[in-house]
């Protein structure tokens, strides 16, 4: 799963989009024409992708413009959050706790908190100061202690993932990313770096035997290309999983135990792949999506649905679409800007211009909700878990 960031860059991007909207509205007002909508410059188009969906998609909902705001329950309204560089990483496998992290490009120590969702109690506060103070020597007692503490809590989360650190289900082994290298860790022993030019986003298979990383795999269309690599958790030579070229870091652990990943970049069409998490790590049928490179893409927590947006035509607003990956059923197809959150039942929230648009799986006429959170994950189909002003909050949607 791609981390839901509440960091400042999204705020600046939203402000830029709002400025574009204001400029275009003024131009249209001067010409006595209706406003054209929020737009973005369209990136270079790619050749249409070939869809291998297991089942054909049903006819999508007609494209509609952004809806007019309607009244909603006042209890759902909330002030804009304080953006504090913390990221909502994940919800635990048992659904009871949330993981948030703060990692500022080696300027501050990596910092995790594990927070009970229903009570807001901070169950663990892990500031990994020894990892921050590394000066070329990784095998120290302090580093081992930090990694052991992190693993003892990360093991509760999908594929033991905490972004730069991962744990086996028993917490005894794992891996961590330092600069461009990922190191395997067994107990208190930090092993050598994985033999790839760069490796990021370590994950551990549910059986605890295999490490999965997003590794550098050459260049395409002038950009670096990354693919999925596996290796034994105890170390060894990484092996590329064929057909995973262009993995962009988005992933979800499916209900059947497979890994759903999103691939796509200039020169590689945007597709969702289903990768078995047991040897030989076969890649199942993929679903690909026509059109330009997405502006934003999100998988639902279990990878049942995907939602993505692409730049609109000319000055038109971005186009937001969704598809149920298990059946190929098309969901929404609407136009307006924003950042996406999608539930396993296909519900999509689009946050943009100070408003959240709430779509069910097939609706072209959403409600609007006065929420400003950019870092939320669905727990079920109607409950949001969000990081807001230094705390985890639950929001029950009607």
Protein backbone atom coordinates (compact mmCIF):
# COMPACT_ATOMS: atom_id res chain seq x y z
CA UNK A 1 0.00 0.00 0.00
CA UNK A 2 1.28 3.35 -0.77
CA UNK A 3 1.59 5.41 2.39
CA UNK A 4 -1.10 7.99 3.02
CA UNK A 5 0.92 11.10 3.60
CA UNK A 6 -0.26 14.10 5.56
CA UNK A 7 2.95 15.95 4.73
CA UNK A 8 3.20 19.45 3.35
CA UNK A 9 3.87 18.74 -0.34
CA UNK A 10 0.26 17.80 -0.91
CA UNK A 11 -0.85 21.07 0.65
CA UNK A 12 1.32 23.05 -1.76
CA UNK A 13 0.03 21.01 -4.69
CA UNK A 14 -3.58 21.59 -3.66
CA UNK A 15 -2.88 25.30 -3.35
CA UNK A 16 -1.44 25.30 -6.89
CA UNK A 17 -4.53 23.51 -8.23
CA UNK A 18 -6.76 26.04 -6.46
CA UNK A 19 -4.82 28.90 -8.08
CA UNK A 20 -5.33 27.35 -11.53
CA UNK A 21 -9.04 27.07 -10.83
CA UNK A 22 -9.27 30.74 -9.83
CA UNK A 23 -7.43 31.92 -12.94
CA UNK A 24 -9.58 29.87 -15.28
CA UNK A 25 -12.77 30.95 -13.53
CA UNK A 26 -11.83 34.59 -13.98
CA UNK A 27 -11.10 34.09 -17.67
CA UNK A 28 -14.39 32.33 -18.23
CA UNK A 29 -16.28 34.95 -16.22
CA UNK A 30 -14.83 37.70 -18.39
CA UNK A 31 -16.02 35.88 -21.51
CA UNK A 32 -19.51 35.31 -20.01
CA UNK A 33 -19.09 31.57 -20.29
CA UNK A 34 -19.44 28.89 -17.60
CA UNK A 35 -16.17 27.89 -15.85
CA UNK A 36 -14.40 25.00 -17.60
CA UNK A 37 -13.43 23.14 -14.40
CA UNK A 38 -10.12 22.53 -12.71
CA UNK A 39 -7.43 21.47 -15.11
CA UNK A 40 -3.90 20.21 -15.34
CA UNK A 41 -1.48 20.05 -18.23
CA UNK A 42 -1.78 16.66 -19.86
CA UNK A 43 1.41 14.59 -19.73
CA UNK A 44 2.74 12.79 -22.81
CA UNK A 45 0.30 10.14 -23.99
CA UNK A 46 1.29 6.49 -24.13
CA UNK A 47 0.11 3.82 -26.50
CA UNK A 48 -3.14 2.23 -25.32
CA UNK A 49 -2.55 -0.63 -22.92
CA UNK A 50 -3.90 -4.13 -23.53
CA UNK A 51 -6.30 -5.36 -20.86
CA UNK A 52 -6.01 -8.96 -19.66
CA UNK A 53 -8.90 -8.78 -17.17
CA UNK A 54 -10.26 -12.16 -16.16
CA UNK A 55 -13.82 -10.86 -16.59
CA UNK A 56 -15.01 -8.04 -18.90
CA UNK A 57 -15.80 -4.72 -17.28
CA UNK A 58 -19.41 -3.59 -17.21
CA UNK A 59 -20.33 -0.31 -18.80
CA UNK A 60 -18.99 2.56 -16.67
CA UNK A 61 -21.10 5.33 -15.19
CA UNK A 62 -21.27 8.33 -17.58
CA UNK A 63 -18.72 11.06 -16.95
CA UNK A 64 -20.16 13.90 -14.88
CA UNK A 65 -18.87 17.22 -13.65
CA UNK A 66 -18.01 17.83 -10.00
CA UNK A 67 -21.26 17.95 -7.99
CA UNK A 68 -22.84 20.81 -6.14
CA UNK A 69 -22.31 20.67 -2.39
CA UNK A 70 -25.14 19.27 -0.26
CA UNK A 71 -25.79 19.41 3.45
CA UNK A 72 -24.21 16.65 5.54
CA UNK A 73 -24.21 15.68 9.16
CA UNK A 74 -22.41 18.40 11.12
CA UNK A 75 -20.64 15.72 13.15
CA UNK A 76 -18.59 14.86 10.08
CA UNK A 77 -17.24 18.36 9.69
CA UNK A 78 -13.76 19.04 10.96
CA UNK A 79 -11.16 21.79 10.75
CA UNK A 80 -8.27 21.44 8.35
CA UNK A 81 -5.58 19.25 9.92
CA UNK A 82 -2.18 20.39 11.07
CA UNK A 83 0.39 19.04 8.59
CA UNK A 84 3.24 17.73 10.70
CA UNK A 85 5.24 15.42 8.39
CA UNK A 86 3.76 12.29 9.95
CA UNK A 87 2.42 9.59 7.61
CA UNK A 88 -0.38 7.14 8.25
CA UNK A 89 1.33 3.93 7.15
CA UNK A 90 -1.10 1.06 7.74
CA UNK A 91 -3.75 -0.61 9.85
CA UNK A 92 -2.73 -3.79 11.68
CA UNK A 93 -3.78 -7.22 10.44
CA UNK A 94 -6.33 -7.52 13.26
CA UNK A 95 -7.73 -4.05 12.52
CA UNK A 96 -7.17 -2.67 16.02
CA UNK A 97 -4.13 -0.40 15.69
CA UNK A 98 -2.70 2.15 13.28
CA UNK A 99 0.95 2.72 12.39
CA UNK A 100 2.18 6.26 11.79
CA UNK A 101 5.72 7.24 10.94
CA UNK A 102 7.94 10.28 10.59
CA UNK A 103 11.04 10.03 8.45
CA UNK A 104 12.60 13.20 7.12
CA UNK A 105 15.37 12.16 4.71
CA UNK A 106 17.91 11.49 7.46
CA UNK A 107 17.41 14.96 8.99
CA UNK A 108 15.66 13.52 12.04
CA UNK A 109 15.59 10.03 13.61
CA UNK A 110 13.07 7.56 12.16
CA UNK A 111 10.03 7.71 14.42
CA UNK A 112 7.07 5.30 14.66
CA UNK A 113 3.95 5.29 16.77
CA UNK A 114 1.50 2.42 17.15
CA UNK A 115 -1.89 3.77 18.21
CA UNK A 116 -5.06 1.93 19.28
CA UNK A 117 -7.74 3.05 16.83
CA UNK A 118 -10.74 2.79 19.14
CA UNK A 119 -9.18 4.46 22.18
CA UNK A 120 -6.43 6.66 20.74
CA UNK A 121 -3.93 5.24 23.22
CA UNK A 122 -0.32 5.28 22.01
CA UNK A 123 0.78 1.69 22.54
CA UNK A 124 4.34 2.24 21.33
CA UNK A 125 6.45 5.33 20.65
CA UNK A 126 9.64 4.35 18.84
CA UNK A 127 12.19 7.04 18.04
CA UNK A 128 15.11 5.18 16.51
CA UNK A 129 17.97 7.48 17.45
CA UNK A 130 20.73 4.94 16.91
CA UNK A 131 19.67 4.40 13.32
CA UNK A 132 19.80 8.16 12.82
CA UNK A 133 23.34 8.39 14.18
CA UNK A 134 24.81 5.68 11.92
CA UNK A 135 28.18 6.77 10.56
CA UNK A 136 29.09 3.87 8.31
CA UNK A 137 28.98 1.24 11.06
CA UNK A 138 25.72 -0.70 11.02
CA UNK A 139 26.61 -3.61 13.31
CA UNK A 140 26.40 -1.87 16.66
CA UNK A 141 24.49 -2.76 19.78
CA UNK A 142 22.41 0.42 19.52
CA UNK A 143 21.37 -0.25 15.93
CA UNK A 144 20.47 -3.85 16.82
CA UNK A 145 18.35 -2.61 19.74
CA UNK A 146 16.50 -0.08 17.56
CA UNK A 147 15.76 -2.67 14.88
CA UNK A 148 14.63 -5.23 17.45
CA UNK A 149 12.24 -2.71 19.01
CA UNK A 150 10.82 -1.78 15.60
CA UNK A 151 10.32 -5.41 14.53
CA UNK A 152 8.49 -6.26 17.74
CA UNK A 153 5.69 -3.92 16.62
CA UNK A 154 5.89 -4.01 12.82
CA UNK A 155 5.18 -7.76 12.84
CA UNK A 156 1.53 -6.88 13.52
CA UNK A 157 1.11 -5.09 10.20
CA UNK A 158 0.63 -6.38 6.63
CA UNK A 159 3.84 -8.07 5.40
CA UNK A 160 5.65 -6.66 8.45
CA UNK A 161 6.04 -3.37 6.62
CA UNK A 162 7.00 -0.07 8.17
CA UNK A 163 8.24 1.62 5.03
CA UNK A 164 12.02 1.42 5.44
CA UNK A 165 11.93 -1.42 7.99
CA UNK A 166 10.21 -4.82 7.75
CA UNK A 167 9.76 -7.74 10.14
CA UNK A 168 9.02 -11.44 9.95
CA UNK A 169 5.81 -12.56 11.72
CA UNK A 170 7.82 -13.69 14.76
CA UNK A 171 9.84 -10.46 14.94
CA UNK A 172 13.16 -12.33 14.92
CA UNK A 173 14.33 -11.36 11.45
CA UNK A 174 13.69 -8.68 8.89
CA UNK A 175 15.34 -5.97 6.82
CA UNK A 176 15.90 -2.24 6.77
CA UNK A 177 16.68 0.32 4.13
CA UNK A 178 19.58 2.72 4.62
CA UNK A 179 20.22 5.29 1.88
CA UNK A 180 19.89 3.21 -1.34
CA UNK A 181 20.70 -0.19 0.17
CA UNK A 182 18.52 -2.71 1.98
CA UNK A 183 20.17 -4.94 4.61
CA UNK A 184 18.89 -8.29 5.88
CA UNK A 185 18.80 -8.56 9.69
CA UNK A 186 18.81 -11.77 11.74
CA UNK A 187 18.44 -11.27 15.46
CA UNK A 188 21.02 -8.63 16.36
CA UNK A 189 23.16 -9.20 13.27
CA UNK A 190 22.95 -6.78 10.37
CA UNK A 191 23.92 -8.52 7.15
CA UNK A 192 25.50 -7.15 4.01
CA UNK A 193 23.49 -5.02 1.60
CA UNK A 194 21.34 -6.84 -0.94
CA UNK A 195 23.31 -7.13 -4.16
CA UNK A 196 21.38 -4.64 -6.26
CA UNK A 197 22.37 -1.08 -7.28
CA UNK A 198 19.44 0.14 -5.14
CA UNK A 199 16.67 -1.60 -3.19
CA UNK A 200 13.75 -0.11 -1.28
CA UNK A 201 10.41 -0.91 0.41
CA UNK A 202 11.24 -4.25 2.09
CA UNK A 203 8.35 -6.65 2.70
CA UNK A 204 8.33 -10.13 4.28
CA UNK A 205 6.10 -12.94 3.00
CA UNK A 206 3.43 -14.21 5.45
CA UNK A 207 5.34 -17.46 6.03
CA UNK A 208 8.41 -15.47 7.10
CA UNK A 209 10.77 -17.16 4.64
CA UNK A 210 11.22 -14.61 1.87
CA UNK A 211 12.14 -10.95 1.58
CA UNK A 212 10.54 -8.87 -1.18
CA UNK A 213 12.10 -5.58 -2.33
CA UNK A 214 11.59 -2.99 -5.06
CA UNK A 215 14.94 -3.10 -6.80
CA UNK A 216 16.64 -1.01 -9.48
CA UNK A 217 16.40 -2.77 -12.82
CA UNK A 218 17.91 -0.49 -15.46
CA UNK A 219 16.37 2.41 -17.34
CA UNK A 220 13.51 2.93 -19.77
CA UNK A 221 12.40 6.07 -21.61
CA UNK A 222 15.11 8.03 -19.81
CA UNK A 223 13.98 7.06 -16.28
CA UNK A 224 15.06 4.49 -13.74
CA UNK A 225 13.03 1.28 -13.77
CA UNK A 226 12.23 -0.79 -10.68
CA UNK A 227 10.98 -4.37 -10.46
CA UNK A 228 10.02 -6.86 -7.77
CA UNK A 229 12.88 -9.01 -6.46
CA UNK A 230 12.81 -11.83 -3.91
CA UNK A 231 15.51 -13.50 -1.83
CA UNK A 232 15.65 -15.81 1.20
CA UNK A 233 15.10 -13.97 4.47
CA UNK A 234 18.50 -15.17 5.67
CA UNK A 235 20.21 -13.51 2.71
CA UNK A 236 21.31 -14.62 -0.72
CA UNK A 237 21.17 -13.54 -4.33
CA UNK A 238 18.07 -11.51 -5.26
CA UNK A 239 15.97 -12.92 -8.08
CA UNK A 240 13.74 -10.77 -10.27
CA UNK A 241 10.11 -11.83 -10.64
CA UNK A 242 9.53 -11.71 -14.39
CA UNK A 243 6.83 -9.37 -15.61
CA UNK A 244 6.99 -6.89 -12.72
CA UNK A 245 8.90 -4.16 -14.59
CA UNK A 246 7.90 -0.66 -13.58
CA UNK A 247 6.67 -1.38 -10.03
CA UNK A 248 5.93 2.08 -8.67
CA UNK A 249 5.71 1.16 -4.99
CA UNK A 250 1.93 0.78 -4.64
CA UNK A 251 0.90 -2.57 -3.14
CA UNK A 252 -1.78 -4.33 -1.11
CA UNK A 253 -2.01 -7.72 0.58
CA UNK A 254 -5.08 -9.41 -0.91
CA UNK A 255 -7.59 -11.44 1.06
CA UNK A 256 -6.25 -14.59 -0.60
CA UNK A 257 -2.69 -13.86 0.55
CA UNK A 258 -1.25 -12.67 -2.77
CA UNK A 259 0.54 -9.37 -3.36
CA UNK A 260 -1.22 -6.90 -5.63
CA UNK A 261 1.14 -4.31 -7.09
CA UNK A 262 0.77 -1.41 -9.51
CA UNK A 263 3.27 -1.05 -12.33
CA UNK A 264 3.56 1.82 -14.75
CA UNK A 265 5.78 4.68 -15.87
CA UNK A 266 6.70 6.29 -19.20
CA UNK A 267 7.26 3.37 -21.56
CA UNK A 268 5.33 0.88 -19.38
CA UNK A 269 1.51 0.82 -19.27
CA UNK A 270 -0.27 1.14 -15.94
CA UNK A 271 -1.39 -2.32 -14.79
CA UNK A 272 -2.27 -4.19 -11.62
CA UNK A 273 -0.48 -7.51 -11.14
CA UNK A 274 -1.31 -10.33 -8.74
CA UNK A 275 1.89 -11.95 -7.44
CA UNK A 276 1.84 -15.21 -5.47
CA UNK A 277 3.85 -14.91 -2.24
CA UNK A 278 5.15 -18.48 -2.34
CA UNK A 279 7.83 -19.84 -4.66
CA UNK A 280 8.03 -19.64 -7.62
CA UNK A 281 6.18 -16.31 -7.16
CA UNK A 282 4.04 -16.59 -10.25
CA UNK A 283 2.37 -13.48 -11.69
CA UNK A 284 -1.32 -14.05 -12.37
CA UNK A 285 -3.62 -12.32 -14.89
CA UNK A 286 -3.11 -8.58 -15.03
CA UNK A 287 -5.45 -5.71 -15.65
CA UNK A 288 -4.18 -2.71 -17.59
CA UNK A 289 -5.70 0.71 -18.12
CA UNK A 290 -5.70 2.83 -21.25
CA UNK A 291 -4.57 6.41 -21.33
CA UNK A 292 -1.97 8.71 -19.90
CA UNK A 293 0.21 8.07 -16.88
CA UNK A 294 -1.91 8.51 -13.72
CA UNK A 295 -1.66 11.65 -11.62
CA UNK A 296 -2.65 9.62 -8.57
CA UNK A 297 -3.45 5.95 -7.97
CA UNK A 298 -4.66 4.07 -4.89
CA UNK A 299 -5.44 0.46 -4.09
CA UNK A 300 -8.07 -0.42 -1.49
CA UNK A 301 -6.69 -1.96 1.74
CA UNK A 302 -7.06 -5.53 0.44
CA UNK A 303 -6.50 -4.67 -3.20
CA UNK A 304 -10.10 -5.45 -4.25
CA UNK A 305 -10.49 -2.07 -5.98
CA UNK A 306 -8.24 0.47 -7.66
CA UNK A 307 -8.97 4.17 -8.21
CA UNK A 308 -6.83 6.47 -10.33
CA UNK A 309 -6.89 9.86 -12.01
CA UNK A 310 -5.41 11.15 -15.27
CA UNK A 311 -5.07 14.66 -16.66
CA UNK A 312 -8.14 16.00 -18.43
CA UNK A 313 -8.34 17.03 -22.06
CA UNK A 314 -7.09 20.59 -22.62
CA UNK A 315 -8.21 22.64 -19.63
CA UNK A 316 -10.67 20.02 -18.41
CA UNK A 317 -10.53 18.65 -14.90
CA UNK A 318 -8.70 15.35 -14.26
CA UNK A 319 -10.68 12.19 -14.91
CA UNK A 320 -11.15 9.85 -11.92
CA UNK A 321 -12.03 6.20 -12.51
CA UNK A 322 -12.28 3.01 -10.47
CA UNK A 323 -12.41 -0.72 -11.23
CA UNK A 324 -13.12 -3.81 -9.10
CA UNK A 325 -10.04 -5.95 -9.65
CA UNK A 326 -11.57 -9.26 -8.63
CA UNK A 327 -14.29 -9.07 -11.33
CA UNK A 328 -13.21 -6.35 -13.76
CA UNK A 329 -16.42 -4.39 -12.96
CA UNK A 330 -16.13 -0.69 -13.75
CA UNK A 331 -16.94 1.79 -11.00
CA UNK A 332 -17.01 5.57 -11.17
CA UNK A 333 -15.91 7.73 -14.10
CA UNK A 334 -16.03 11.42 -13.13
CA UNK A 335 -14.09 14.64 -13.59
CA UNK A 336 -12.54 16.75 -10.87
CA UNK A 337 -9.15 17.09 -9.14
CA UNK A 338 -8.11 15.58 -5.87
CA UNK A 339 -6.32 12.83 -3.95
CA UNK A 340 -7.96 9.45 -3.67
CA UNK A 341 -8.95 7.00 -0.95
CA UNK A 342 -10.81 3.81 -1.89
CA UNK A 343 -12.50 1.11 0.21
CA UNK A 344 -12.74 -2.62 -0.40
CA UNK A 345 -16.44 -2.18 -1.30
CA UNK A 346 -15.57 0.31 -4.05
CA UNK A 347 -16.43 3.50 -2.19
CA UNK A 348 -14.17 6.33 -3.35
CA UNK A 349 -13.39 9.61 -1.62
CA UNK A 350 -11.80 12.37 -3.70
CA UNK A 351 -10.25 15.14 -1.60
CA UNK A 352 -9.69 18.39 -3.46
CA UNK A 353 -10.21 22.15 -3.21
CA UNK A 354 -11.25 21.95 0.44
CA UNK A 355 -14.04 19.43 -0.20
CA UNK A 356 -14.33 15.65 -0.07
CA UNK A 357 -16.52 14.00 -2.71
CA UNK A 358 -18.02 10.70 -1.56
CA UNK A 359 -18.91 8.18 -4.30
CA UNK A 360 -20.30 4.70 -3.90
CA UNK A 361 -19.07 2.04 -6.32
CA UNK A 362 -21.34 3.04 -9.21
CA UNK A 363 -22.65 6.51 -8.41
CA UNK A 364 -22.02 9.49 -10.67
CA UNK A 365 -23.72 11.88 -8.21
CA UNK A 366 -21.83 11.93 -4.91
CA UNK A 367 -22.43 13.68 -1.65
CA UNK A 368 -19.92 16.22 -0.48
CA UNK A 369 -18.47 16.02 3.01
CA UNK A 370 -16.63 18.78 4.85
CA UNK A 371 -13.45 16.80 5.47
CA UNK A 372 -9.94 18.02 4.76
CA UNK A 373 -7.88 14.99 5.72
CA UNK A 374 -5.32 13.82 3.18
CA UNK A 375 -4.04 10.86 5.20
CA UNK A 376 -6.88 8.36 5.70
CA UNK A 377 -7.41 4.60 5.26
CA UNK A 378 -10.76 2.83 5.15
CA UNK A 379 -11.47 0.28 7.87
CA UNK A 380 -14.44 -1.49 6.35
CA UNK A 381 -16.73 0.28 3.91
CA UNK A 382 -17.93 3.20 5.99
CA UNK A 383 -15.28 3.99 8.60
CA UNK A 384 -12.23 6.14 7.95
CA UNK A 385 -9.10 6.06 10.08
CA UNK A 386 -7.24 9.37 9.75
CA UNK A 387 -4.20 11.10 11.18
CA UNK A 388 -5.25 14.57 12.28
CA UNK A 389 -3.38 17.16 14.34
CA UNK A 390 -1.18 14.63 16.12
CA UNK A 391 -3.81 11.96 16.79
CA UNK A 392 -5.64 9.07 15.18
CA UNK A 393 -9.34 9.78 14.69
CA UNK A 394 -12.21 7.60 13.48
CA UNK A 395 -14.80 9.05 11.13
CA UNK A 396 -18.03 7.12 10.57
CA UNK A 397 -19.47 7.90 7.16
CA UNK A 398 -23.23 7.50 6.58
